[in-house]
Amino acid sequence: MRTTPELLFGIVMMALGASTFAVIVGNMAALLGKLDIRATAFKERMEDLDDFMHQENLPLDLRFRTRAFFEYGYNHSRDIPTSIGELSTSLRTEVALHLYSDLITTVPFFKDCGKNFLTEVILRLRGQTLSPGDYLYEAGEQGDSMFFLIKGSVEVVLDETHGVFAELREGSYFGENCVLGLSDQRPVSVRAMSWCNLFCLTQSALEDCIAHHPESHEHFRKLAITQSAEKTMHKALGRIQGLPPPSPGGSPVSVSGTPINLTKNASDPLDAPEPPEQFLEPPVVTRALARSKYSVSVS
């Protein structure tokens, strides 16, 4: 039979053992959490988001879509840390070209760019995520950027009457007229058909890149007159606006990369050769070259 002191001793030791075990497990959990700071920060962010949506009594469907958006962005984020900019020029170039090798190989736009210029453009790109059904932009909106579609597919919507005009897939780029300063309005709407990863290049970022690398200006002069998805859509838009709405059985044209054929009438192809266009100096190139010359004269 155990005495009272023995029972008290046993209780104290059990309490001490449980406390020690809790401290050890807690420290191990904290240590593991510090090993993945990004995951811990994301978890805290999602907890704050859940509290906000619960407090505002958002519908369950909207809550699920909001969480899915952030979770997809977390799992597919491609943003380069700002600390990469502190590396030496050669090392920064190697890191950027490695991280975005798929962008370089998928998008024909970058095929003829020099490494140094390409690195600076890459470091200025901003990632963007779209969930199915989201609009990237709508017709008539002001715009000063272009987009590179890395993953997923989007559809080009003319208007409520004509509906979907074409489908753009991985490797496509669009919005070059706005980034070059040739237009400040979006002529059509672009809507995501699936989860999409895009990169955005703004006009100010492009101007800075060309000012630092004047030798690249010819590439963008060619871009102003090169056949692309956007230019084919511009060309077809004028013809379609005068036509009746498409039949219900009609289907949008699939586009992958930049060379596209959106015609349904072989006798009048939209991608047929046209007379040479008048040489056009994109405003962003003009401003960048002026800045470059001014910098040289001052130095």
C-alpha atoms as a PDB file:
ATOM      1  CA  MET A   1       0.000   0.000   0.000  1.00  0.00           C
ATOM      2  CA  ARG A   2       1.380   3.376  -1.017  1.00  0.00           C
ATOM      3  CA  THR A   3       1.768   6.143   1.473  1.00  0.00           C
ATOM      4  CA  THR A   4       0.548   9.695   1.024  1.00  0.00           C
ATOM      5  CA  PRO A   5       4.060  11.099   0.373  1.00  0.00           C
ATOM      6  CA  GLU A   6       4.563   8.491  -2.374  1.00  0.00           C
ATOM      7  CA  LEU A   7       1.293   9.462  -4.053  1.00  0.00           C
ATOM      8  CA  LEU A   8       2.172  13.160  -3.873  1.00  0.00           C
ATOM      9  CA  PHE A   9       5.610  12.445  -5.310  1.00  0.00           C
ATOM     10  CA  GLY A  10       4.069  10.463  -8.155  1.00  0.00           C
ATOM     11  CA  ILE A  11       1.605  13.246  -8.971  1.00  0.00           C
ATOM     12  CA  VAL A  12       4.370  15.856  -8.980  1.00  0.00           C
ATOM     13  CA  MET A  13       6.571  13.754 -11.262  1.00  0.00           C
ATOM     14  CA  MET A  14       3.707  13.120 -13.679  1.00  0.00           C
ATOM     15  CA  ALA A  15       2.928  16.830 -13.842  1.00  0.00           C
ATOM     16  CA  LEU A  16       6.610  17.651 -14.315  1.00  0.00           C
ATOM     17  CA  GLY A  17       6.946  15.041 -17.084  1.00  0.00           C
ATOM     18  CA  ALA A  18       3.855  16.296 -18.911  1.00  0.00           C
ATOM     19  CA  SER A  19       5.086  19.899 -18.707  1.00  0.00           C
ATOM     20  CA  THR A  20       8.528  18.940 -19.990  1.00  0.00           C
ATOM     21  CA  PHE A  21       7.005  16.978 -22.880  1.00  0.00           C
ATOM     22  CA  ALA A  22       4.779  19.943 -23.801  1.00  0.00           C
ATOM     23  CA  VAL A  23       7.747  22.331 -23.781  1.00  0.00           C
ATOM     24  CA  ILE A  24       9.849  20.022 -25.955  1.00  0.00           C
ATOM     25  CA  VAL A  25       7.056  19.470 -28.479  1.00  0.00           C
ATOM     26  CA  GLY A  26       6.282  23.208 -28.565  1.00  0.00           C
ATOM     27  CA  ASN A  27       9.923  24.108 -29.204  1.00  0.00           C
ATOM     28  CA  MET A  28      10.203  21.509 -31.947  1.00  0.00           C
ATOM     29  CA  ALA A  29       7.060  22.847 -33.631  1.00  0.00           C
ATOM     30  CA  ALA A  30       8.393  26.416 -33.414  1.00  0.00           C
ATOM     31  CA  LEU A  31      11.736  25.304 -34.838  1.00  0.00           C
ATOM     32  CA  LEU A  32      10.088  23.518 -37.755  1.00  0.00           C
ATOM     33  CA  GLY A  33       7.942  26.583 -38.374  1.00  0.00           C
ATOM     34  CA  LYS A  34      11.038  28.792 -38.606  1.00  0.00           C
ATOM     35  CA  LEU A  35      12.493  26.485 -41.226  1.00  0.00           C
ATOM     36  CA  ASP A  36       9.737  27.580 -43.636  1.00  0.00           C
ATOM     37  CA  ILE A  37       9.164  31.258 -42.944  1.00  0.00           C
ATOM     38  CA  ARG A  38       7.201  31.693 -46.171  1.00  0.00           C
ATOM     39  CA  ALA A  39       4.706  28.975 -45.217  1.00  0.00           C
ATOM     40  CA  THR A  40       4.311  30.424 -41.709  1.00  0.00           C
ATOM     41  CA  ALA A  41       3.670  33.920 -43.086  1.00  0.00           C
ATOM     42  CA  PHE A  42       1.135  32.529 -45.560  1.00  0.00           C
ATOM     43  CA  LYS A  43      -0.659  30.616 -42.795  1.00  0.00           C
ATOM     44  CA  GLU A  44      -0.940  33.777 -40.695  1.00  0.00           C
ATOM     45  CA  ARG A  45      -2.174  35.680 -43.727  1.00  0.00           C
ATOM     46  CA  MET A  46      -4.863  33.092 -44.415  1.00  0.00           C
ATOM     47  CA  GLU A  47      -5.947  33.140 -40.758  1.00  0.00           C
ATOM     48  CA  ASP A  48      -6.379  36.920 -40.961  1.00  0.00           C
ATOM     49  CA  LEU A  49      -8.303  36.462 -44.206  1.00  0.00           C
ATOM     50  CA  ASP A  50     -10.593  33.857 -42.624  1.00  0.00           C
ATOM     51  CA  ASP A  51     -11.279  36.173 -39.687  1.00  0.00           C
ATOM     52  CA  PHE A  52     -12.111  39.017 -42.067  1.00  0.00           C
ATOM     53  CA  MET A  53     -14.455  36.927 -44.233  1.00  0.00           C
ATOM     54  CA  HIS A  54     -16.182  35.534 -41.140  1.00  0.00           C
ATOM     55  CA  GLN A  55     -16.567  39.004 -39.634  1.00  0.00           C
ATOM     56  CA  GLU A  56     -18.000  40.403 -42.861  1.00  0.00           C
ATOM     57  CA  ASN A  57     -20.218  37.323 -43.302  1.00  0.00           C
ATOM     58  CA  LEU A  58     -19.173  36.673 -46.898  1.00  0.00           C
ATOM     59  CA  PRO A  59     -21.070  33.928 -48.781  1.00  0.00           C
ATOM     60  CA  LEU A  60     -19.468  30.486 -48.574  1.00  0.00           C
ATOM     61  CA  ASP A  61     -18.933  30.291 -52.340  1.00  0.00           C
ATOM     62  CA  LEU A  62     -17.091  33.616 -52.309  1.00  0.00           C
ATOM     63  CA  ARG A  63     -14.979  32.464 -49.371  1.00  0.00           C
ATOM     64  CA  PHE A  64     -13.955  29.273 -51.177  1.00  0.00           C
ATOM     65  CA  ARG A  65     -13.038  31.173 -54.345  1.00  0.00           C
ATOM     66  CA  THR A  66     -11.032  33.731 -52.367  1.00  0.00           C
ATOM     67  CA  ARG A  67      -9.090  31.051 -50.514  1.00  0.00           C
ATOM     68  CA  ALA A  68      -8.493  29.118 -53.744  1.00  0.00           C
ATOM     69  CA  PHE A  69      -7.081  32.252 -55.385  1.00  0.00           C
ATOM     70  CA  PHE A  70      -4.560  32.901 -52.613  1.00  0.00           C
ATOM     71  CA  GLU A  71      -3.602  29.231 -52.341  1.00  0.00           C
ATOM     72  CA  TYR A  72      -3.011  28.976 -56.092  1.00  0.00           C
ATOM     73  CA  GLY A  73      -0.937  32.160 -56.041  1.00  0.00           C
ATOM     74  CA  TYR A  74       1.117  30.831 -53.118  1.00  0.00           C
ATOM     75  CA  ASN A  75       1.802  27.489 -54.792  1.00  0.00           C
ATOM     76  CA  HIS A  76       2.606  28.988 -58.220  1.00  0.00           C
ATOM     77  CA  SER A  77       4.306  32.265 -57.309  1.00  0.00           C
ATOM     78  CA  ARG A  78       7.117  33.262 -59.699  1.00  0.00           C
ATOM     79  CA  ASP A  79       8.134  36.632 -58.283  1.00  0.00           C
ATOM     80  CA  ILE A  80      11.893  37.139 -57.918  1.00  0.00           C
ATOM     81  CA  PRO A  81      13.040  38.404 -54.488  1.00  0.00           C
ATOM     82  CA  THR A  82      14.344  41.969 -54.486  1.00  0.00           C
ATOM     83  CA  SER A  83      17.606  40.706 -52.983  1.00  0.00           C
ATOM     84  CA  ILE A  84      18.494  39.199 -56.391  1.00  0.00           C
ATOM     85  CA  GLY A  85      19.122  42.747 -57.605  1.00  0.00           C
ATOM     86  CA  GLU A  86      22.095  43.013 -55.231  1.00  0.00           C
ATOM     87  CA  LEU A  87      24.021  40.253 -57.040  1.00  0.00           C
ATOM     88  CA  SER A  88      26.773  40.958 -59.522  1.00  0.00           C
ATOM     89  CA  THR A  89      25.704  41.515 -63.113  1.00  0.00           C
ATOM     90  CA  SER A  90      26.861  38.129 -64.397  1.00  0.00           C
ATOM     91  CA  LEU A  91      25.443  36.174 -61.448  1.00  0.00           C
ATOM     92  CA  ARG A  92      22.142  38.073 -61.605  1.00  0.00           C
ATOM     93  CA  THR A  93      21.902  37.255 -65.301  1.00  0.00           C
ATOM     94  CA  GLU A  94      22.481  33.535 -64.711  1.00  0.00           C
ATOM     95  CA  VAL A  95      19.903  33.383 -61.907  1.00  0.00           C
ATOM     96  CA  ALA A  96      17.250  35.294 -63.881  1.00  0.00           C
ATOM     97  CA  LEU A  97      17.743  33.274 -67.066  1.00  0.00           C
ATOM     98  CA  HIS A  98      17.556  30.019 -65.118  1.00  0.00           C
ATOM     99  CA  LEU A  99      14.426  30.948 -63.169  1.00  0.00           C
ATOM    100  CA  TYR A 100      12.611  32.141 -66.280  1.00  0.00           C
ATOM    101  CA  SER A 101      13.970  29.712 -68.840  1.00  0.00           C
ATOM    102  CA  ASP A 102      10.405  28.620 -69.649  1.00  0.00           C
ATOM    103  CA  LEU A 103       9.418  32.227 -70.336  1.00  0.00           C
ATOM    104  CA  ILE A 104      12.304  32.640 -72.754  1.00  0.00           C
ATOM    105  CA  THR A 105      11.649  29.384 -74.599  1.00  0.00           C
ATOM    106  CA  THR A 106       7.837  29.700 -74.631  1.00  0.00           C
ATOM    107  CA  VAL A 107       7.397  33.323 -75.715  1.00  0.00           C
ATOM    108  CA  PRO A 108       8.820  34.130 -79.181  1.00  0.00           C
ATOM    109  CA  PHE A 109       8.922  37.799 -78.185  1.00  0.00           C
ATOM    110  CA  PHE A 110      12.173  37.248 -76.258  1.00  0.00           C
ATOM    111  CA  LYS A 111      13.923  35.155 -78.887  1.00  0.00           C
ATOM    112  CA  ASP A 112      16.192  37.905 -80.257  1.00  0.00           C
ATOM    113  CA  CYS A 113      16.792  39.874 -77.043  1.00  0.00           C
ATOM    114  CA  GLY A 114      20.307  40.187 -75.644  1.00  0.00           C
ATOM    115  CA  LYS A 115      21.071  38.567 -72.285  1.00  0.00           C
ATOM    116  CA  ASN A 116      21.694  41.784 -70.352  1.00  0.00           C
ATOM    117  CA  PHE A 117      18.560  43.447 -71.663  1.00  0.00           C
ATOM    118  CA  LEU A 118      16.548  40.281 -71.130  1.00  0.00           C
ATOM    119  CA  THR A 119      17.734  40.073 -67.522  1.00  0.00           C
ATOM    120  CA  GLU A 120      16.667  43.624 -66.799  1.00  0.00           C
ATOM    121  CA  VAL A 121      13.251  43.007 -68.355  1.00  0.00           C
ATOM    122  CA  ILE A 122      12.813  39.809 -66.337  1.00  0.00           C
ATOM    123  CA  LEU A 123      13.648  41.570 -63.072  1.00  0.00           C
ATOM    124  CA  ARG A 124      10.959  44.155 -63.845  1.00  0.00           C
ATOM    125  CA  LEU A 125       8.221  41.671 -64.722  1.00  0.00           C
ATOM    126  CA  ARG A 126       5.386  41.316 -62.252  1.00  0.00           C
ATOM    127  CA  GLY A 127       3.522  38.069 -61.879  1.00  0.00           C
ATOM    128  CA  GLN A 128      -0.248  38.003 -62.087  1.00  0.00           C
ATOM    129  CA  THR A 129      -2.741  35.217 -61.405  1.00  0.00           C
ATOM    130  CA  LEU A 130      -6.236  34.799 -62.843  1.00  0.00           C
ATOM    131  CA  SER A 131      -8.846  32.326 -61.707  1.00  0.00           C
ATOM    132  CA  PRO A 132     -11.303  30.853 -64.245  1.00  0.00           C
ATOM    133  CA  GLY A 133     -13.771  33.506 -65.378  1.00  0.00           C
ATOM    134  CA  ASP A 134     -11.717  36.494 -64.179  1.00  0.00           C
ATOM    135  CA  TYR A 135     -11.234  39.415 -66.581  1.00  0.00           C
ATOM    136  CA  LEU A 136      -7.666  40.570 -67.104  1.00  0.00           C
ATOM    137  CA  TYR A 137      -9.049  43.766 -68.605  1.00  0.00           C
ATOM    138  CA  GLU A 138     -12.184  44.872 -70.439  1.00  0.00           C
ATOM    139  CA  ALA A 139     -12.654  46.728 -73.704  1.00  0.00           C
ATOM    140  CA  GLY A 140     -12.332  50.494 -73.343  1.00  0.00           C
ATOM    141  CA  GLU A 141     -10.149  50.390 -70.235  1.00  0.00           C
ATOM    142  CA  GLN A 142      -7.001  52.513 -70.059  1.00  0.00           C
ATOM    143  CA  GLY A 143      -3.849  50.443 -70.423  1.00  0.00           C
ATOM    144  CA  ASP A 144      -0.084  50.928 -70.393  1.00  0.00           C
ATOM    145  CA  SER A 145       1.207  47.366 -70.143  1.00  0.00           C
ATOM    146  CA  MET A 146       1.545  44.132 -72.067  1.00  0.00           C
ATOM    147  CA  PHE A 147       1.143  40.562 -70.839  1.00  0.00           C
ATOM    148  CA  PHE A 148       2.912  37.259 -71.409  1.00  0.00           C
ATOM    149  CA  LEU A 149       0.822  34.131 -70.903  1.00  0.00           C
ATOM    150  CA  ILE A 150       2.961  31.427 -69.290  1.00  0.00           C
ATOM    151  CA  LYS A 151       0.367  28.941 -68.130  1.00  0.00           C
ATOM    152  CA  GLY A 152      -3.324  28.442 -68.901  1.00  0.00           C
ATOM    153  CA  SER A 153      -5.501  29.940 -71.610  1.00  0.00           C
ATOM    154  CA  VAL A 154      -7.548  33.093 -72.055  1.00  0.00           C
ATOM    155  CA  GLU A 155     -10.308  34.041 -74.452  1.00  0.00           C
ATOM    156  CA  VAL A 156     -10.668  37.311 -76.324  1.00  0.00           C
ATOM    157  CA  VAL A 157     -14.162  38.775 -76.036  1.00  0.00           C
ATOM    158  CA  LEU A 158     -15.220  41.392 -78.563  1.00  0.00           C
ATOM    159  CA  ASP A 159     -18.533  42.490 -77.067  1.00  0.00           C
ATOM    160  CA  GLU A 160     -21.868  41.123 -75.896  1.00  0.00           C
ATOM    161  CA  THR A 161     -23.071  40.780 -79.497  1.00  0.00           C
ATOM    162  CA  HIS A 162     -20.185  38.858 -81.061  1.00  0.00           C
ATOM    163  CA  GLY A 163     -18.957  37.118 -77.908  1.00  0.00           C
ATOM    164  CA  VAL A 164     -15.716  35.137 -77.864  1.00  0.00           C
ATOM    165  CA  PHE A 165     -13.466  35.878 -80.820  1.00  0.00           C
ATOM    166  CA  ALA A 166     -10.334  33.807 -80.183  1.00  0.00           C
ATOM    167  CA  GLU A 167      -8.459  31.732 -77.648  1.00  0.00           C
ATOM    168  CA  LEU A 168      -4.868  32.504 -76.617  1.00  0.00           C
ATOM    169  CA  ARG A 169      -2.707  29.791 -75.112  1.00  0.00           C
ATOM    170  CA  GLU A 170       0.683  29.464 -73.438  1.00  0.00           C
ATOM    171  CA  GLY A 171       3.392  31.452 -75.197  1.00  0.00           C
ATOM    172  CA  SER A 172       1.070  34.209 -76.395  1.00  0.00           C
ATOM    173  CA  TYR A 173       1.695  37.852 -75.671  1.00  0.00           C
ATOM    174  CA  PHE A 174      -0.745  40.708 -76.076  1.00  0.00           C
ATOM    175  CA  GLY A 175      -1.121  44.374 -75.205  1.00  0.00           C
ATOM    176  CA  GLU A 176       2.017  45.456 -77.062  1.00  0.00           C
ATOM    177  CA  ASN A 177       0.273  48.514 -78.544  1.00  0.00           C
ATOM    178  CA  CYS A 178      -0.333  49.872 -75.054  1.00  0.00           C
ATOM    179  CA  VAL A 179       3.156  49.172 -73.729  1.00  0.00           C
ATOM    180  CA  LEU A 180       4.711  50.786 -76.829  1.00  0.00           C
ATOM    181  CA  GLY A 181       2.535  53.873 -76.410  1.00  0.00           C
ATOM    182  CA  LEU A 182       0.723  53.346 -79.728  1.00  0.00           C
ATOM    183  CA  SER A 183      -2.628  53.150 -77.924  1.00  0.00           C
ATOM    184  CA  ASP A 184      -3.896  53.871 -74.431  1.00  0.00           C
ATOM    185  CA  GLN A 185      -7.147  51.894 -74.603  1.00  0.00           C
ATOM    186  CA  ARG A 186      -7.857  48.184 -74.674  1.00  0.00           C
ATOM    187  CA  PRO A 187      -9.780  47.317 -77.874  1.00  0.00           C
ATOM    188  CA  VAL A 188     -11.133  43.982 -76.570  1.00  0.00           C
ATOM    189  CA  SER A 189     -11.740  42.159 -73.305  1.00  0.00           C
ATOM    190  CA  VAL A 190      -9.568  39.268 -72.124  1.00  0.00           C
ATOM    191  CA  ARG A 191     -11.041  36.620 -69.817  1.00  0.00           C
ATOM    192  CA  ALA A 192      -9.377  33.585 -68.214  1.00  0.00           C
ATOM    193  CA  MET A 193     -10.650  30.173 -69.275  1.00  0.00           C
ATOM    194  CA  SER A 194      -8.618  28.334 -66.625  1.00  0.00           C
ATOM    195  CA  TRP A 195      -6.143  29.138 -63.894  1.00  0.00           C
ATOM    196  CA  CYS A 196      -3.584  31.398 -65.577  1.00  0.00           C
ATOM    197  CA  ASN A 197      -0.091  32.617 -64.789  1.00  0.00           C
ATOM    198  CA  LEU A 198       0.923  35.787 -66.575  1.00  0.00           C
ATOM    199  CA  PHE A 199       3.722  38.299 -66.446  1.00  0.00           C
ATOM    200  CA  CYS A 200       3.064  42.002 -66.831  1.00  0.00           C
ATOM    201  CA  LEU A 201       5.511  44.514 -68.328  1.00  0.00           C
ATOM    202  CA  THR A 202       4.572  48.156 -67.828  1.00  0.00           C
ATOM    203  CA  GLN A 203       5.401  51.015 -70.159  1.00  0.00           C
ATOM    204  CA  SER A 204       7.574  52.795 -67.589  1.00  0.00           C
ATOM    205  CA  ALA A 205       9.559  49.603 -66.927  1.00  0.00           C
ATOM    206  CA  LEU A 206      10.117  49.037 -70.650  1.00  0.00           C
ATOM    207  CA  GLU A 207      11.210  52.632 -71.132  1.00  0.00           C
ATOM    208  CA  ASP A 208      13.783  52.258 -68.360  1.00  0.00           C
ATOM    209  CA  CYS A 209      15.106  49.050 -69.916  1.00  0.00           C
ATOM    210  CA  ILE A 210      15.492  50.576 -73.378  1.00  0.00           C
ATOM    211  CA  ALA A 211      17.132  53.696 -71.898  1.00  0.00           C
ATOM    212  CA  HIS A 212      19.732  51.491 -70.213  1.00  0.00           C
ATOM    213  CA  HIS A 213      20.190  49.335 -73.332  1.00  0.00           C
ATOM    214  CA  PRO A 214      19.726  51.606 -76.387  1.00  0.00           C
ATOM    215  CA  GLU A 215      20.885  48.820 -78.713  1.00  0.00           C
ATOM    216  CA  SER A 216      17.599  46.997 -78.047  1.00  0.00           C
ATOM    217  CA  HIS A 217      15.402  49.721 -79.560  1.00  0.00           C
ATOM    218  CA  GLU A 218      15.356  48.082 -82.991  1.00  0.00           C
ATOM    219  CA  HIS A 219      13.666  45.024 -81.513  1.00  0.00           C
ATOM    220  CA  PHE A 220      10.728  47.148 -80.399  1.00  0.00           C
ATOM    221  CA  ARG A 221      10.549  49.083 -83.629  1.00  0.00           C
ATOM    222  CA  LYS A 222      10.024  45.748 -85.343  1.00  0.00           C
ATOM    223  CA  LEU A 223       7.464  44.782 -82.727  1.00  0.00           C
ATOM    224  CA  ALA A 224       5.363  47.801 -83.712  1.00  0.00           C
ATOM    225  CA  ILE A 225       4.841  46.390 -87.224  1.00  0.00           C
ATOM    226  CA  THR A 226       5.296  42.636 -86.688  1.00  0.00           C
ATOM    227  CA  GLN A 227       2.258  40.421 -87.163  1.00  0.00           C
ATOM    228  CA  SER A 228       0.966  39.255 -83.780  1.00  0.00           C
ATOM    229  CA  ALA A 229      -2.193  38.061 -82.059  1.00  0.00           C
ATOM    230  CA  GLU A 230      -3.219  41.587 -81.118  1.00  0.00           C
ATOM    231  CA  LYS A 231      -2.657  43.015 -84.595  1.00  0.00           C
ATOM    232  CA  THR A 232      -4.608  40.188 -86.199  1.00  0.00           C
ATOM    233  CA  MET A 233      -7.459  40.885 -83.788  1.00  0.00           C
ATOM    234  CA  HIS A 234      -7.330  44.584 -84.619  1.00  0.00           C
ATOM    235  CA  LYS A 235      -7.465  43.773 -88.304  1.00  0.00           C
ATOM    236  CA  ALA A 236     -10.345  41.354 -87.903  1.00  0.00           C
ATOM    237  CA  LEU A 237     -12.258  43.583 -85.501  1.00  0.00           C
ATOM    238  CA  GLY A 238     -12.976  46.168 -88.169  1.00  0.00           C
ATOM    239  CA  ARG A 239     -14.389  43.471 -90.443  1.00  0.00           C
ATOM    240  CA  ILE A 240     -16.391  41.674 -87.774  1.00  0.00           C
ATOM    241  CA  GLN A 241     -18.107  44.777 -86.413  1.00  0.00           C
ATOM    242  CA  GLY A 242     -20.049  45.034 -89.632  1.00  0.00           C
ATOM    243  CA  LEU A 243     -21.057  41.352 -89.667  1.00  0.00           C
ATOM    244  CA  PRO A 244     -24.055  39.662 -88.021  1.00  0.00           C
ATOM    245  CA  PRO A 245     -23.522  37.722 -84.769  1.00  0.00           C
ATOM    246  CA  PRO A 246     -21.880  34.291 -85.228  1.00  0.00           C
ATOM    247  CA  SER A 247     -24.050  31.200 -85.367  1.00  0.00           C
ATOM    248  CA  PRO A 248     -24.485  29.226 -82.134  1.00  0.00           C
ATOM    249  CA  GLY A 249     -22.466  26.373 -83.590  1.00  0.00           C
ATOM    250  CA  GLY A 250     -19.449  28.574 -84.229  1.00  0.00           C
ATOM    251  CA  SER A 251     -16.380  28.049 -82.072  1.00  0.00           C
ATOM    252  CA  PRO A 252     -13.557  30.402 -81.124  1.00  0.00           C
ATOM    253  CA  VAL A 253     -10.274  30.043 -82.905  1.00  0.00           C
ATOM    254  CA  SER A 254      -7.419  28.452 -80.964  1.00  0.00           C
ATOM    255  CA  VAL A 255      -4.196  30.421 -80.819  1.00  0.00           C
ATOM    256  CA  SER A 256      -0.809  29.266 -79.558  1.00  0.00           C
ATOM    257  CA  GLY A 257       2.138  31.649 -79.762  1.00  0.00           C
ATOM    258  CA  THR A 258       2.048  34.649 -82.047  1.00  0.00           C
ATOM    259  CA  PRO A 259       1.412  33.409 -85.622  1.00  0.00           C
ATOM    260  CA  ILE A 260      -2.375  32.974 -85.861  1.00  0.00           C
ATOM    261  CA  ASN A 261      -5.088  32.546 -88.450  1.00  0.00           C
ATOM    262  CA  LEU A 262      -8.499  33.753 -87.341  1.00  0.00           C
ATOM    263  CA  THR A 263     -10.324  33.539 -90.649  1.00  0.00           C
ATOM    264  CA  LYS A 264     -13.238  31.250 -91.385  1.00  0.00           C
ATOM    265  CA  ASN A 265     -13.278  32.151 -95.049  1.00  0.00           C
ATOM    266  CA  ALA A 266     -10.325  30.807 -96.992  1.00  0.00           C
ATOM    267  CA  SER A 267     -10.890  33.327 -99.795  1.00  0.00           C
ATOM    268  CA  ASP A 268     -10.234  36.229 -97.412  1.00  0.00           C
ATOM    269  CA  PRO A 269      -7.552  35.188 -94.907  1.00  0.00           C
ATOM    270  CA  LEU A 270      -6.845  37.651 -92.137  1.00  0.00           C
ATOM    271  CA  ASP A 271      -3.187  36.711 -92.013  1.00  0.00           C
ATOM    272  CA  ALA A 272      -2.639  37.254 -95.747  1.00  0.00           C
ATOM    273  CA  PRO A 273       0.320  39.488 -96.641  1.00  0.00           C
ATOM    274  CA  GLU A 274      -0.434  43.189 -96.711  1.00  0.00           C
ATOM    275  CA  PRO A 275       1.393  46.082 -98.301  1.00  0.00           C
ATOM    276  CA  PRO A 276       4.384  47.200 -96.203  1.00  0.00           C
ATOM    277  CA  GLU A 277       3.304  49.400 -93.299  1.00  0.00           C
ATOM    278  CA  GLN A 278       4.714  52.869 -92.884  1.00  0.00           C
ATOM    279  CA  PHE A 279       7.626  52.903 -90.454  1.00  0.00           C
ATOM    280  CA  LEU A 280       6.362  53.804 -87.042  1.00  0.00           C
ATOM    281  CA  GLU A 281       8.515  54.930 -84.137  1.00  0.00           C
ATOM    282  CA  PRO A 282       6.862  53.754 -80.903  1.00  0.00           C
ATOM    283  CA  PRO A 283       6.611  56.661 -78.429  1.00  0.00           C
ATOM    284  CA  VAL A 284       8.190  54.587 -75.644  1.00  0.00           C
ATOM    285  CA  VAL A 285      11.258  53.994 -77.847  1.00  0.00           C
ATOM    286  CA  THR A 286      11.496  57.686 -78.719  1.00  0.00           C
ATOM    287  CA  ARG A 287      11.399  58.716 -75.051  1.00  0.00           C
ATOM    288  CA  ALA A 288      13.878  56.032 -74.001  1.00  0.00           C
ATOM    289  CA  LEU A 289      16.414  56.978 -76.690  1.00  0.00           C
ATOM    290  CA  ALA A 290      16.068  60.653 -75.760  1.00  0.00           C
ATOM    291  CA  ARG A 291      16.775  59.763 -72.111  1.00  0.00           C
ATOM    292  CA  SER A 292      19.761  57.660 -73.139  1.00  0.00           C
ATOM    293  CA  LYS A 293      21.276  60.453 -75.249  1.00  0.00           C
ATOM    294  CA  TYR A 294      20.696  62.973 -72.465  1.00  0.00           C
ATOM    295  CA  SER A 295      22.432  60.722 -69.938  1.00  0.00           C
ATOM    296  CA  VAL A 296      25.424  60.331 -72.247  1.00  0.00           C
ATOM    297  CA  SER A 297      25.683  64.072 -72.853  1.00  0.00           C
ATOM    298  CA  VAL A 298      25.484  64.857 -69.125  1.00  0.00           C
ATOM    299  CA  SER A 299      28.109  62.286 -68.217  1.00  0.00           C
END
